[in-house]
Amino acid sequence: MTPRKGAITGLALIWLIPITWLCFISSACKIEETQFPTPHLIEGKWGYLNSEGNLAISPQFDEACPFSEGLARVAVNHKSGYINPSGQLVIPLRYDEALGFLEEFAPVRQGRKWGDINQKGQLALAFQFDEAWGFSESLACVRVGQKYGYINPKGRFVIQPQFDAARTFSNGSAIVEHNSRQFVIDTNGRYLNRGKNLDLTDRS
């Protein structure tokens, strides 16, 4: 389930998306163009332009995501942190990988494990997961070992790790994969239907 820079083994081929592109094609970073500056590549570095096309934050980052919930993930020298709309680094560049804020939390990785931080940069969920995605409908998809399940904001499993691949929830349901078959589940983990051609490639 990783959009990280490497590939995951097994059935979860849906996760082979570089993290830089994830910022632009998944719900991990919500674009709020009318309120916040947007990232632009300028002479090899990423900066931000305002809605009029003027420079708002000078180009200084190796990676930059759109703003999500008032903060944007940026990276320099392979370390990620978060800036505010003024360009101030409000959460230091200390994470090996990170995703955008969703529902007041952001997944971050230090070493081999993922956890979640709040918007103050405080660790909200300990580094314990092999992969972690942002919250959607108060559930976040995480991987423990080779199986995916869903946790609540307190870090408790609502749906135990049991799937070979999984998507985030949208409108009360999510697509999961088990034993090479795809299913739709609800937020309690109940199977709603099953099909042979469900699309696990679209994470949005």
C-alpha atoms as a PDB file:
ATOM      1  CA  MET A   1       0.000   0.000   0.000  1.00  0.00           C
ATOM      2  CA  THR A   2       2.901   2.285  -0.391  1.00  0.00           C
ATOM      3  CA  PRO A   3       3.176   5.374  -2.532  1.00  0.00           C
ATOM      4  CA  ARG A   4       6.662   5.613  -1.140  1.00  0.00           C
ATOM      5  CA  LYS A   5       9.718   5.580  -3.328  1.00  0.00           C
ATOM      6  CA  GLY A   6      10.103   1.825  -3.206  1.00  0.00           C
ATOM      7  CA  ALA A   7       7.793  -0.996  -4.159  1.00  0.00           C
ATOM      8  CA  ILE A   8       5.872  -3.331  -1.929  1.00  0.00           C
ATOM      9  CA  THR A   9       5.963  -7.059  -2.485  1.00  0.00           C
ATOM     10  CA  GLY A  10       2.889  -9.250  -2.845  1.00  0.00           C
ATOM     11  CA  LEU A  11      -0.475  -8.316  -4.275  1.00  0.00           C
ATOM     12  CA  ALA A  12      -0.560  -4.643  -3.399  1.00  0.00           C
ATOM     13  CA  LEU A  13       0.645  -3.391  -6.777  1.00  0.00           C
ATOM     14  CA  ILE A  14      -1.648  -0.401  -6.385  1.00  0.00           C
ATOM     15  CA  TRP A  15       0.817   1.294  -4.119  1.00  0.00           C
ATOM     16  CA  LEU A  16       3.666   1.788  -6.578  1.00  0.00           C
ATOM     17  CA  ILE A  17       3.301   5.588  -6.725  1.00  0.00           C
ATOM     18  CA  PRO A  18       6.228   7.949  -6.000  1.00  0.00           C
ATOM     19  CA  ILE A  19       5.485  10.106  -2.984  1.00  0.00           C
ATOM     20  CA  THR A  20       6.139  13.341  -4.881  1.00  0.00           C
ATOM     21  CA  TRP A  21       3.322  12.564  -7.301  1.00  0.00           C
ATOM     22  CA  LEU A  22       1.091  11.371  -4.473  1.00  0.00           C
ATOM     23  CA  CYS A  23       0.799  14.984  -3.361  1.00  0.00           C
ATOM     24  CA  PHE A  24      -0.953  15.817  -6.580  1.00  0.00           C
ATOM     25  CA  ILE A  25      -3.049  12.771  -7.428  1.00  0.00           C
ATOM     26  CA  SER A  26      -4.410  11.475  -4.133  1.00  0.00           C
ATOM     27  CA  SER A  27      -6.547  12.737  -1.308  1.00  0.00           C
ATOM     28  CA  ALA A  28      -3.480  12.791   0.922  1.00  0.00           C
ATOM     29  CA  CYS A  29      -3.016  16.456   0.017  1.00  0.00           C
ATOM     30  CA  LYS A  30      -6.124  18.512  -0.587  1.00  0.00           C
ATOM     31  CA  ILE A  31      -5.572  21.482  -2.858  1.00  0.00           C
ATOM     32  CA  GLU A  32      -7.099  24.707  -1.569  1.00  0.00           C
ATOM     33  CA  GLU A  33      -5.983  27.085  -4.323  1.00  0.00           C
ATOM     34  CA  THR A  34      -8.232  29.982  -3.448  1.00  0.00           C
ATOM     35  CA  GLN A  35      -6.848  30.252   0.082  1.00  0.00           C
ATOM     36  CA  PHE A  36      -3.252  29.057  -0.042  1.00  0.00           C
ATOM     37  CA  PRO A  37      -0.270  29.407  -2.377  1.00  0.00           C
ATOM     38  CA  THR A  38       0.427  26.471  -4.667  1.00  0.00           C
ATOM     39  CA  PRO A  39       3.754  24.662  -5.260  1.00  0.00           C
ATOM     40  CA  HIS A  40       5.756  25.338  -8.409  1.00  0.00           C
ATOM     41  CA  LEU A  41       9.130  24.087  -9.588  1.00  0.00           C
ATOM     42  CA  ILE A  42      11.433  27.053 -10.159  1.00  0.00           C
ATOM     43  CA  GLU A  43      14.963  26.489 -11.414  1.00  0.00           C
ATOM     44  CA  GLY A  44      15.268  23.082  -9.807  1.00  0.00           C
ATOM     45  CA  LYS A  45      13.713  23.944  -6.448  1.00  0.00           C
ATOM     46  CA  TRP A  46      10.131  24.033  -5.251  1.00  0.00           C
ATOM     47  CA  GLY A  47       8.523  27.242  -4.089  1.00  0.00           C
ATOM     48  CA  TYR A  48       4.956  28.570  -3.897  1.00  0.00           C
ATOM     49  CA  LEU A  49       3.025  31.076  -5.986  1.00  0.00           C
ATOM     50  CA  ASN A  50      -0.065  32.970  -4.933  1.00  0.00           C
ATOM     51  CA  SER A  51      -3.318  33.067  -6.897  1.00  0.00           C
ATOM     52  CA  GLU A  52      -1.994  35.955  -9.019  1.00  0.00           C
ATOM     53  CA  GLY A  53       1.083  34.007 -10.030  1.00  0.00           C
ATOM     54  CA  ASN A  54       3.467  35.988  -7.852  1.00  0.00           C
ATOM     55  CA  LEU A  55       6.132  34.389  -5.713  1.00  0.00           C
ATOM     56  CA  ALA A  56       4.769  33.793  -2.200  1.00  0.00           C
ATOM     57  CA  ILE A  57       7.386  31.401  -0.794  1.00  0.00           C
ATOM     58  CA  SER A  58      10.864  31.337  -2.299  1.00  0.00           C
ATOM     59  CA  PRO A  59      12.041  28.164  -4.084  1.00  0.00           C
ATOM     60  CA  GLN A  60      14.084  26.247  -1.533  1.00  0.00           C
ATOM     61  CA  PHE A  61      12.571  22.778  -1.227  1.00  0.00           C
ATOM     62  CA  ASP A  62      13.425  19.474  -2.901  1.00  0.00           C
ATOM     63  CA  GLU A  63       9.778  18.402  -2.618  1.00  0.00           C
ATOM     64  CA  ALA A  64       6.618  20.364  -1.903  1.00  0.00           C
ATOM     65  CA  CYS A  65       2.954  19.427  -1.537  1.00  0.00           C
ATOM     66  CA  PRO A  66      -0.159  21.590  -1.806  1.00  0.00           C
ATOM     67  CA  PHE A  67      -1.522  22.903   1.473  1.00  0.00           C
ATOM     68  CA  SER A  68      -3.842  20.623   3.371  1.00  0.00           C
ATOM     69  CA  GLU A  69      -5.634  21.842   6.488  1.00  0.00           C
ATOM     70  CA  GLY A  70      -3.411  24.903   6.611  1.00  0.00           C
ATOM     71  CA  LEU A  71      -0.039  23.146   6.393  1.00  0.00           C
ATOM     72  CA  ALA A  72       2.061  21.852   3.511  1.00  0.00           C
ATOM     73  CA  ARG A  73       4.554  19.012   3.540  1.00  0.00           C
ATOM     74  CA  VAL A  74       7.994  19.953   2.238  1.00  0.00           C
ATOM     75  CA  ALA A  75      11.283  18.088   2.075  1.00  0.00           C
ATOM     76  CA  VAL A  76      14.956  19.065   1.994  1.00  0.00           C
ATOM     77  CA  ASN A  77      17.801  16.550   1.832  1.00  0.00           C
ATOM     78  CA  HIS A  78      15.380  13.637   2.210  1.00  0.00           C
ATOM     79  CA  LYS A  79      13.857  14.975   5.435  1.00  0.00           C
ATOM     80  CA  SER A  80      10.245  16.129   5.603  1.00  0.00           C
ATOM     81  CA  GLY A  81       8.488  18.765   7.674  1.00  0.00           C
ATOM     82  CA  TYR A  82       5.608  21.227   7.328  1.00  0.00           C
ATOM     83  CA  ILE A  83       5.316  24.912   6.545  1.00  0.00           C
ATOM     84  CA  ASN A  84       2.512  27.419   7.114  1.00  0.00           C
ATOM     85  CA  PRO A  85       1.186  29.726   4.349  1.00  0.00           C
ATOM     86  CA  SER A  86       3.870  32.300   5.232  1.00  0.00           C
ATOM     87  CA  GLY A  87       6.591  29.778   4.461  1.00  0.00           C
ATOM     88  CA  GLN A  88       7.635  29.338   8.087  1.00  0.00           C
ATOM     89  CA  LEU A  89       8.760  25.845   9.002  1.00  0.00           C
ATOM     90  CA  VAL A  90       6.362  25.106  11.842  1.00  0.00           C
ATOM     91  CA  ILE A  91       7.125  21.372  12.070  1.00  0.00           C
ATOM     92  CA  PRO A  92      10.850  20.644  11.650  1.00  0.00           C
ATOM     93  CA  LEU A  93      12.434  18.656   8.831  1.00  0.00           C
ATOM     94  CA  ARG A  94      12.937  15.499  10.857  1.00  0.00           C
ATOM     95  CA  TYR A  95      10.856  12.781   9.212  1.00  0.00           C
ATOM     96  CA  ASP A  96      12.099  10.274   6.668  1.00  0.00           C
ATOM     97  CA  GLU A  97       8.720  10.412   4.926  1.00  0.00           C
ATOM     98  CA  ALA A  98       5.462  12.198   5.563  1.00  0.00           C
ATOM     99  CA  LEU A  99       2.007  12.736   4.087  1.00  0.00           C
ATOM    100  CA  GLY A 100      -0.410  15.650   4.188  1.00  0.00           C
ATOM    101  CA  PHE A 101      -2.752  16.452   7.052  1.00  0.00           C
ATOM    102  CA  LEU A 102      -6.216  14.937   6.949  1.00  0.00           C
ATOM    103  CA  GLU A 103      -8.706  15.187   9.794  1.00  0.00           C
ATOM    104  CA  GLU A 104      -6.052  16.949  11.922  1.00  0.00           C
ATOM    105  CA  PHE A 105      -3.453  14.164  11.670  1.00  0.00           C
ATOM    106  CA  ALA A 106      -0.577  13.420   9.312  1.00  0.00           C
ATOM    107  CA  PRO A 107       1.222  10.072   8.871  1.00  0.00           C
ATOM    108  CA  VAL A 108       4.996  10.345   9.299  1.00  0.00           C
ATOM    109  CA  ARG A 109       7.841   7.856   9.228  1.00  0.00           C
ATOM    110  CA  GLN A 110      11.025   7.700  11.278  1.00  0.00           C
ATOM    111  CA  GLY A 111      13.238   4.769  10.493  1.00  0.00           C
ATOM    112  CA  ARG A 112      11.091   1.838   9.434  1.00  0.00           C
ATOM    113  CA  LYS A 113       7.927   2.653  11.343  1.00  0.00           C
ATOM    114  CA  TRP A 114       5.042   5.022  10.778  1.00  0.00           C
ATOM    115  CA  GLY A 115       3.029   7.017  13.284  1.00  0.00           C
ATOM    116  CA  ASP A 116       0.846  10.136  13.247  1.00  0.00           C
ATOM    117  CA  ILE A 117       1.432  13.692  14.396  1.00  0.00           C
ATOM    118  CA  ASN A 118      -1.037  16.453  15.158  1.00  0.00           C
ATOM    119  CA  GLN A 119      -0.892  19.973  13.755  1.00  0.00           C
ATOM    120  CA  LYS A 120       1.355  21.101  16.594  1.00  0.00           C
ATOM    121  CA  GLY A 121       3.934  18.536  15.534  1.00  0.00           C
ATOM    122  CA  GLN A 122       3.282  16.380  18.590  1.00  0.00           C
ATOM    123  CA  LEU A 123       3.327  12.618  18.205  1.00  0.00           C
ATOM    124  CA  ALA A 124      -0.295  11.507  18.435  1.00  0.00           C
ATOM    125  CA  LEU A 125       0.154   7.844  17.474  1.00  0.00           C
ATOM    126  CA  ALA A 126       3.440   6.096  18.228  1.00  0.00           C
ATOM    127  CA  PHE A 127       5.737   4.805  15.503  1.00  0.00           C
ATOM    128  CA  GLN A 128       4.379   1.283  15.272  1.00  0.00           C
ATOM    129  CA  PHE A 129       3.004   0.676  11.782  1.00  0.00           C
ATOM    130  CA  ASP A 130       4.795  -0.674   8.739  1.00  0.00           C
ATOM    131  CA  GLU A 131       2.740   1.722   6.609  1.00  0.00           C
ATOM    132  CA  ALA A 132       0.120   4.338   7.386  1.00  0.00           C
ATOM    133  CA  TRP A 133      -2.287   6.489   5.409  1.00  0.00           C
ATOM    134  CA  GLY A 134      -4.267   9.596   6.281  1.00  0.00           C
ATOM    135  CA  PHE A 135      -7.580   9.511   8.070  1.00  0.00           C
ATOM    136  CA  SER A 136     -10.804   9.516   6.112  1.00  0.00           C
ATOM    137  CA  GLU A 137     -14.182   9.247   7.816  1.00  0.00           C
ATOM    138  CA  SER A 138     -12.305   8.798  11.131  1.00  0.00           C
ATOM    139  CA  LEU A 139     -10.506   5.687   9.900  1.00  0.00           C
ATOM    140  CA  ALA A 140      -6.953   5.293   8.646  1.00  0.00           C
ATOM    141  CA  CYS A 141      -5.583   2.359   6.704  1.00  0.00           C
ATOM    142  CA  VAL A 142      -2.367   0.908   8.147  1.00  0.00           C
ATOM    143  CA  ARG A 143      -0.203  -2.108   7.485  1.00  0.00           C
ATOM    144  CA  VAL A 144       1.136  -4.432  10.172  1.00  0.00           C
ATOM    145  CA  GLY A 145       3.399  -7.087   8.748  1.00  0.00           C
ATOM    146  CA  GLN A 146       1.878  -7.991   5.396  1.00  0.00           C
ATOM    147  CA  LYS A 147      -1.755  -7.228   6.237  1.00  0.00           C
ATOM    148  CA  TYR A 148      -3.821  -4.050   6.166  1.00  0.00           C
ATOM    149  CA  GLY A 149      -6.481  -2.931   8.610  1.00  0.00           C
ATOM    150  CA  TYR A 150      -8.080   0.283   9.837  1.00  0.00           C
ATOM    151  CA  ILE A 151      -7.538   2.274  13.032  1.00  0.00           C
ATOM    152  CA  ASN A 152      -9.448   5.087  14.709  1.00  0.00           C
ATOM    153  CA  PRO A 153      -7.822   8.386  15.822  1.00  0.00           C
ATOM    154  CA  LYS A 154      -6.852   6.767  19.123  1.00  0.00           C
ATOM    155  CA  GLY A 155      -4.806   4.169  17.284  1.00  0.00           C
ATOM    156  CA  ARG A 156      -7.159   1.299  18.078  1.00  0.00           C
ATOM    157  CA  PHE A 157      -8.031  -1.204  15.388  1.00  0.00           C
ATOM    158  CA  VAL A 158     -11.635  -0.932  14.281  1.00  0.00           C
ATOM    159  CA  ILE A 159     -10.996  -3.436  11.493  1.00  0.00           C
ATOM    160  CA  GLN A 160      -8.192  -5.868  12.229  1.00  0.00           C
ATOM    161  CA  PRO A 161      -5.303  -6.316   9.757  1.00  0.00           C
ATOM    162  CA  GLN A 162      -6.464  -9.009   7.355  1.00  0.00           C
ATOM    163  CA  PHE A 163      -6.311  -7.621   3.819  1.00  0.00           C
ATOM    164  CA  ASP A 164      -3.637  -7.937   1.164  1.00  0.00           C
ATOM    165  CA  ALA A 165      -4.435  -4.451  -0.150  1.00  0.00           C
ATOM    166  CA  ALA A 166      -6.838  -1.698   0.844  1.00  0.00           C
ATOM    167  CA  ARG A 167      -8.094   1.770  -0.047  1.00  0.00           C
ATOM    168  CA  THR A 168      -9.148   4.620   2.188  1.00  0.00           C
ATOM    169  CA  PHE A 169     -12.835   5.023   3.015  1.00  0.00           C
ATOM    170  CA  SER A 170     -15.119   7.190   0.920  1.00  0.00           C
ATOM    171  CA  ASN A 171     -18.863   7.592   1.466  1.00  0.00           C
ATOM    172  CA  GLY A 172     -18.889   4.863   4.078  1.00  0.00           C
ATOM    173  CA  SER A 173     -17.156   2.134   2.078  1.00  0.00           C
ATOM    174  CA  ALA A 174     -13.712   0.995   0.951  1.00  0.00           C
ATOM    175  CA  ILE A 175     -12.361  -1.523  -1.523  1.00  0.00           C
ATOM    176  CA  VAL A 176     -10.087  -4.213  -0.097  1.00  0.00           C
ATOM    177  CA  GLU A 177      -8.335  -7.261  -1.473  1.00  0.00           C
ATOM    178  CA  HIS A 178      -8.120 -10.685   0.141  1.00  0.00           C
ATOM    179  CA  ASN A 179      -6.808 -13.872  -1.464  1.00  0.00           C
ATOM    180  CA  SER A 180      -6.666 -12.191  -4.875  1.00  0.00           C
ATOM    181  CA  ARG A 181     -10.332 -11.171  -4.717  1.00  0.00           C
ATOM    182  CA  GLN A 182     -11.721  -7.679  -4.268  1.00  0.00           C
ATOM    183  CA  PHE A 183     -14.504  -6.741  -1.884  1.00  0.00           C
ATOM    184  CA  VAL A 184     -16.325  -3.656  -0.657  1.00  0.00           C
ATOM    185  CA  ILE A 185     -16.534  -3.225   3.113  1.00  0.00           C
ATOM    186  CA  ASP A 186     -18.299  -0.755   5.374  1.00  0.00           C
ATOM    187  CA  THR A 187     -16.750   1.095   8.312  1.00  0.00           C
ATOM    188  CA  ASN A 188     -17.440  -1.878  10.580  1.00  0.00           C
ATOM    189  CA  GLY A 189     -15.603  -4.273   8.278  1.00  0.00           C
ATOM    190  CA  ARG A 190     -18.742  -5.933   6.958  1.00  0.00           C
ATOM    191  CA  TYR A 191     -18.680  -7.094   3.353  1.00  0.00           C
ATOM    192  CA  LEU A 192     -21.151  -5.189   1.201  1.00  0.00           C
ATOM    193  CA  ASN A 193     -20.551  -6.852  -2.152  1.00  0.00           C
ATOM    194  CA  ARG A 194     -17.820  -8.436  -4.188  1.00  0.00           C
ATOM    195  CA  GLY A 195     -16.680  -8.137  -7.763  1.00  0.00           C
ATOM    196  CA  LYS A 196     -13.983  -9.187 -10.168  1.00  0.00           C
ATOM    197  CA  ASN A 197     -13.247  -5.762 -11.644  1.00  0.00           C
ATOM    198  CA  LEU A 198     -13.166  -3.377  -8.695  1.00  0.00           C
ATOM    199  CA  ASP A 199     -10.572  -0.657  -9.187  1.00  0.00           C
ATOM    200  CA  LEU A 200      -7.879  -0.700  -6.521  1.00  0.00           C
ATOM    201  CA  THR A 201      -5.584   1.615  -8.458  1.00  0.00           C
ATOM    202  CA  ASP A 202      -7.425   4.844  -7.689  1.00  0.00           C
ATOM    203  CA  ARG A 203      -6.646   6.043  -4.166  1.00  0.00           C
ATOM    204  CA  SER A 204      -8.771   9.193  -4.267  1.00  0.00           C
END
